[in-house]
Amino acid sequence: MECANTVFPIILYILGAVLLVVLIILAIKCIGTLKRINTVVDDVSEKAGKLNGVFDIIDNTTDMITSISDKAIDFISGAITGLFSRKKRKKDEGNENEEEGN
């Protein structure tokens, strides 16, 4: 029993020291990995920043196309509405003229 009281703490201290060394090594490797990841992210961010001009041109172009198509649709719908309202007015005027003639 006395042997267990002296051997177990020594084993635990050795395992604790090994665990501490392993954790330090893992922390150092994680720091190195994070530095590489940070470099890659900075590179991607820089390249995406260079493409902002292209995206702005595409955005302005789509806005212009949308405004042109909206104007065309408004013109066409106005013409169709005007065409049907004229026919209705002519029909109403024709009915009034017939009633006055009777």
C-alpha atoms as a PDB file:
ATOM      1  CA  MET A   1       0.000   0.000   0.000  1.00  0.00           C
ATOM      2  CA  GLU A   2       2.841   2.307   0.795  1.00  0.00           C
ATOM      3  CA  CYS A   3       4.288   1.604  -2.649  1.00  0.00           C
ATOM      4  CA  ALA A   4       1.068   2.761  -4.286  1.00  0.00           C
ATOM      5  CA  ASN A   5       1.181   6.019  -2.307  1.00  0.00           C
ATOM      6  CA  THR A   6       4.601   6.834  -3.732  1.00  0.00           C
ATOM      7  CA  VAL A   7       4.306   5.394  -7.258  1.00  0.00           C
ATOM      8  CA  PHE A   8       0.893   6.864  -8.261  1.00  0.00           C
ATOM      9  CA  PRO A   9       1.823  10.510  -7.614  1.00  0.00           C
ATOM     10  CA  ILE A  10       5.044  10.048  -9.614  1.00  0.00           C
ATOM     11  CA  ILE A  11       3.076   8.530 -12.515  1.00  0.00           C
ATOM     12  CA  LEU A  12       0.544  11.356 -12.344  1.00  0.00           C
ATOM     13  CA  TYR A  13       3.286  13.995 -12.343  1.00  0.00           C
ATOM     14  CA  ILE A  14       4.959  12.397 -15.355  1.00  0.00           C
ATOM     15  CA  LEU A  15       1.647  12.182 -17.257  1.00  0.00           C
ATOM     16  CA  GLY A  16       0.861  15.785 -16.335  1.00  0.00           C
ATOM     17  CA  ALA A  17       4.238  16.945 -17.639  1.00  0.00           C
ATOM     18  CA  VAL A  18       3.746  14.987 -20.885  1.00  0.00           C
ATOM     19  CA  LEU A  19       0.253  16.458 -21.284  1.00  0.00           C
ATOM     20  CA  LEU A  20       1.597  19.967 -20.693  1.00  0.00           C
ATOM     21  CA  VAL A  21       4.328  19.507 -23.328  1.00  0.00           C
ATOM     22  CA  VAL A  22       1.815  18.123 -25.852  1.00  0.00           C
ATOM     23  CA  LEU A  23      -0.572  21.039 -25.259  1.00  0.00           C
ATOM     24  CA  ILE A  24       2.258  23.551 -25.708  1.00  0.00           C
ATOM     25  CA  ILE A  25       3.261  21.910 -29.002  1.00  0.00           C
ATOM     26  CA  LEU A  26      -0.372  21.918 -30.206  1.00  0.00           C
ATOM     27  CA  ALA A  27      -0.759  25.595 -29.277  1.00  0.00           C
ATOM     28  CA  ILE A  28       2.385  26.511 -31.229  1.00  0.00           C
ATOM     29  CA  LYS A  29       1.171  24.573 -34.282  1.00  0.00           C
ATOM     30  CA  CYS A  30      -2.261  26.230 -34.047  1.00  0.00           C
ATOM     31  CA  ILE A  31      -0.636  29.675 -33.938  1.00  0.00           C
ATOM     32  CA  GLY A  32       1.380  28.830 -37.079  1.00  0.00           C
ATOM     33  CA  THR A  33      -1.753  27.551 -38.820  1.00  0.00           C
ATOM     34  CA  LEU A  34      -3.686  30.687 -37.884  1.00  0.00           C
ATOM     35  CA  LYS A  35      -0.907  32.866 -39.317  1.00  0.00           C
ATOM     36  CA  ARG A  36      -1.108  31.005 -42.637  1.00  0.00           C
ATOM     37  CA  ILE A  37      -4.907  31.221 -42.652  1.00  0.00           C
ATOM     38  CA  ASN A  38      -4.698  34.945 -41.924  1.00  0.00           C
ATOM     39  CA  THR A  39      -2.346  35.398 -44.877  1.00  0.00           C
ATOM     40  CA  VAL A  40      -4.740  33.545 -47.185  1.00  0.00           C
ATOM     41  CA  VAL A  41      -7.742  35.533 -45.954  1.00  0.00           C
ATOM     42  CA  ASP A  42      -5.880  38.822 -46.464  1.00  0.00           C
ATOM     43  CA  ASP A  43      -4.947  37.742 -50.005  1.00  0.00           C
ATOM     44  CA  VAL A  44      -8.539  36.800 -50.825  1.00  0.00           C
ATOM     45  CA  SER A  45      -9.804  40.058 -49.339  1.00  0.00           C
ATOM     46  CA  GLU A  46      -7.334  42.063 -51.423  1.00  0.00           C
ATOM     47  CA  LYS A  47      -8.352  40.262 -54.622  1.00  0.00           C
ATOM     48  CA  ALA A  48     -12.043  40.720 -53.836  1.00  0.00           C
ATOM     49  CA  GLY A  49     -11.388  44.421 -53.282  1.00  0.00           C
ATOM     50  CA  LYS A  50      -9.917  44.643 -56.758  1.00  0.00           C
ATOM     51  CA  LEU A  51     -13.123  43.164 -58.168  1.00  0.00           C
ATOM     52  CA  ASN A  52     -15.354  45.778 -56.505  1.00  0.00           C
ATOM     53  CA  GLY A  53     -15.072  47.995 -59.578  1.00  0.00           C
ATOM     54  CA  VAL A  54     -16.346  45.207 -61.801  1.00  0.00           C
ATOM     55  CA  PHE A  55     -19.242  44.552 -59.461  1.00  0.00           C
ATOM     56  CA  ASP A  56     -20.097  48.270 -59.413  1.00  0.00           C
ATOM     57  CA  ILE A  57     -20.160  48.340 -63.228  1.00  0.00           C
ATOM     58  CA  ILE A  58     -22.434  45.280 -63.291  1.00  0.00           C
ATOM     59  CA  ASP A  59     -24.704  46.848 -60.666  1.00  0.00           C
ATOM     60  CA  ASN A  60     -24.978  50.142 -62.566  1.00  0.00           C
ATOM     61  CA  THR A  61     -25.650  48.297 -65.817  1.00  0.00           C
ATOM     62  CA  THR A  62     -28.448  46.229 -64.309  1.00  0.00           C
ATOM     63  CA  ASP A  63     -29.966  49.372 -62.753  1.00  0.00           C
ATOM     64  CA  MET A  64     -29.920  51.089 -66.154  1.00  0.00           C
ATOM     65  CA  ILE A  65     -31.481  48.085 -67.879  1.00  0.00           C
ATOM     66  CA  THR A  66     -34.150  47.901 -65.193  1.00  0.00           C
ATOM     67  CA  SER A  67     -35.044  51.576 -65.569  1.00  0.00           C
ATOM     68  CA  ILE A  68     -35.220  51.259 -69.363  1.00  0.00           C
ATOM     69  CA  SER A  69     -37.438  48.183 -69.142  1.00  0.00           C
ATOM     70  CA  ASP A  70     -39.671  49.925 -66.579  1.00  0.00           C
ATOM     71  CA  LYS A  71     -40.104  52.913 -68.897  1.00  0.00           C
ATOM     72  CA  ALA A  72     -40.876  50.617 -71.838  1.00  0.00           C
ATOM     73  CA  ILE A  73     -43.446  48.667 -69.819  1.00  0.00           C
ATOM     74  CA  ASP A  74     -45.056  51.917 -68.600  1.00  0.00           C
ATOM     75  CA  PHE A  75     -45.254  53.195 -72.185  1.00  0.00           C
ATOM     76  CA  ILE A  76     -46.741  49.951 -73.504  1.00  0.00           C
ATOM     77  CA  SER A  77     -49.268  49.640 -70.683  1.00  0.00           C
ATOM     78  CA  GLY A  78     -50.234  53.312 -71.099  1.00  0.00           C
ATOM     79  CA  ALA A  79     -50.734  52.821 -74.839  1.00  0.00           C
ATOM     80  CA  ILE A  80     -52.881  49.737 -74.296  1.00  0.00           C
ATOM     81  CA  THR A  81     -54.908  51.487 -71.588  1.00  0.00           C
ATOM     82  CA  GLY A  82     -55.372  54.526 -73.846  1.00  0.00           C
ATOM     83  CA  LEU A  83     -56.445  52.313 -76.750  1.00  0.00           C
ATOM     84  CA  PHE A  84     -59.122  50.569 -74.700  1.00  0.00           C
ATOM     85  CA  SER A  85     -60.351  53.806 -73.119  1.00  0.00           C
ATOM     86  CA  ARG A  86     -60.722  55.411 -76.578  1.00  0.00           C
ATOM     87  CA  LYS A  87     -62.794  52.487 -77.817  1.00  0.00           C
ATOM     88  CA  LYS A  88     -64.983  52.745 -74.727  1.00  0.00           C
ATOM     89  CA  ARG A  89     -65.407  56.515 -75.183  1.00  0.00           C
ATOM     90  CA  LYS A  90     -66.286  56.075 -78.843  1.00  0.00           C
ATOM     91  CA  LYS A  91     -68.785  53.374 -77.940  1.00  0.00           C
ATOM     92  CA  ASP A  92     -70.323  55.594 -75.242  1.00  0.00           C
ATOM     93  CA  GLU A  93     -70.503  58.567 -77.643  1.00  0.00           C
ATOM     94  CA  GLY A  94     -72.121  56.337 -80.247  1.00  0.00           C
ATOM     95  CA  ASN A  95     -74.750  55.223 -77.742  1.00  0.00           C
ATOM     96  CA  GLU A  96     -75.467  58.859 -76.747  1.00  0.00           C
ATOM     97  CA  ASN A  97     -75.849  59.917 -80.376  1.00  0.00           C
ATOM     98  CA  GLU A  98     -78.310  57.082 -81.014  1.00  0.00           C
ATOM     99  CA  GLU A  99     -80.351  58.023 -77.947  1.00  0.00           C
ATOM    100  CA  GLU A 100     -80.485  61.683 -79.002  1.00  0.00           C
ATOM    101  CA  GLY A 101     -81.538  60.679 -82.492  1.00  0.00           C
ATOM    102  CA  ASN A 102     -84.517  58.630 -81.253  1.00  0.00           C
END
